[in-house]
């Protein structure tokens, strides 16, 4: 899962695939992937 943010209106969508248009404002090709910091990995004990 990834969080995509609209460059025009700032709306966010949490989905697997990149949306072609923003559901809030209707702009085409304006959704950018928002990078989240990776969770620390747990080592085996």
Protein backbone atom coordinates (compact mmCIF):
# COMPACT_ATOMS: atom_id res chain seq x y z
CA UNK A 1 0.00 0.00 0.00
CA UNK A 2 1.17 3.51 -0.77
CA UNK A 3 -0.06 7.01 -0.03
CA UNK A 4 -0.57 9.26 -3.06
CA UNK A 5 -0.98 13.03 -2.71
CA UNK A 6 -2.51 15.40 -5.28
CA UNK A 7 -0.14 18.20 -6.36
CA UNK A 8 -3.07 20.55 -7.07
CA UNK A 9 -5.43 20.24 -4.08
CA UNK A 10 -3.43 18.19 -1.53
CA UNK A 11 -5.93 15.32 -1.21
CA UNK A 12 -4.45 11.96 -0.15
CA UNK A 13 -5.39 8.43 -1.22
CA UNK A 14 -4.07 5.17 0.28
CA UNK A 15 -4.05 2.58 -2.52
CA UNK A 16 -1.88 -0.02 -4.26
CA UNK A 17 -1.96 1.41 -7.79
CA UNK A 18 -1.23 4.98 -8.86
CA UNK A 19 -4.54 6.75 -9.56
CA UNK A 20 -4.88 8.38 -13.01
CA UNK A 21 -6.87 11.32 -11.66
CA UNK A 22 -7.64 12.92 -8.31
CA UNK A 23 -11.01 11.91 -6.83
CA UNK A 24 -11.36 15.29 -5.07
CA UNK A 25 -10.54 17.84 -7.82
CA UNK A 26 -10.59 15.68 -11.00
CA UNK A 27 -7.13 16.75 -12.28
CA UNK A 28 -5.36 14.21 -14.54
CA UNK A 29 -1.80 12.90 -13.85
CA UNK A 30 -1.26 14.95 -10.67
CA UNK A 31 -0.94 12.17 -8.08
CA UNK A 32 2.54 11.80 -6.53
CA UNK A 33 3.70 8.99 -4.26
CA UNK A 34 4.36 10.09 -0.70
CA UNK A 35 7.44 8.37 0.72
CA UNK A 36 7.07 6.96 4.22
CA UNK A 37 10.10 6.16 6.39
CA UNK A 38 10.75 2.43 6.42
CA UNK A 39 9.91 0.58 9.62
CA UNK A 40 12.95 -0.82 11.46
CA UNK A 41 13.41 -4.51 10.75
CA UNK A 42 13.37 -6.96 13.62
CA UNK A 43 16.28 -9.41 13.68
CA UNK A 44 15.94 -13.06 14.63
CA UNK A 45 16.90 -13.95 18.18
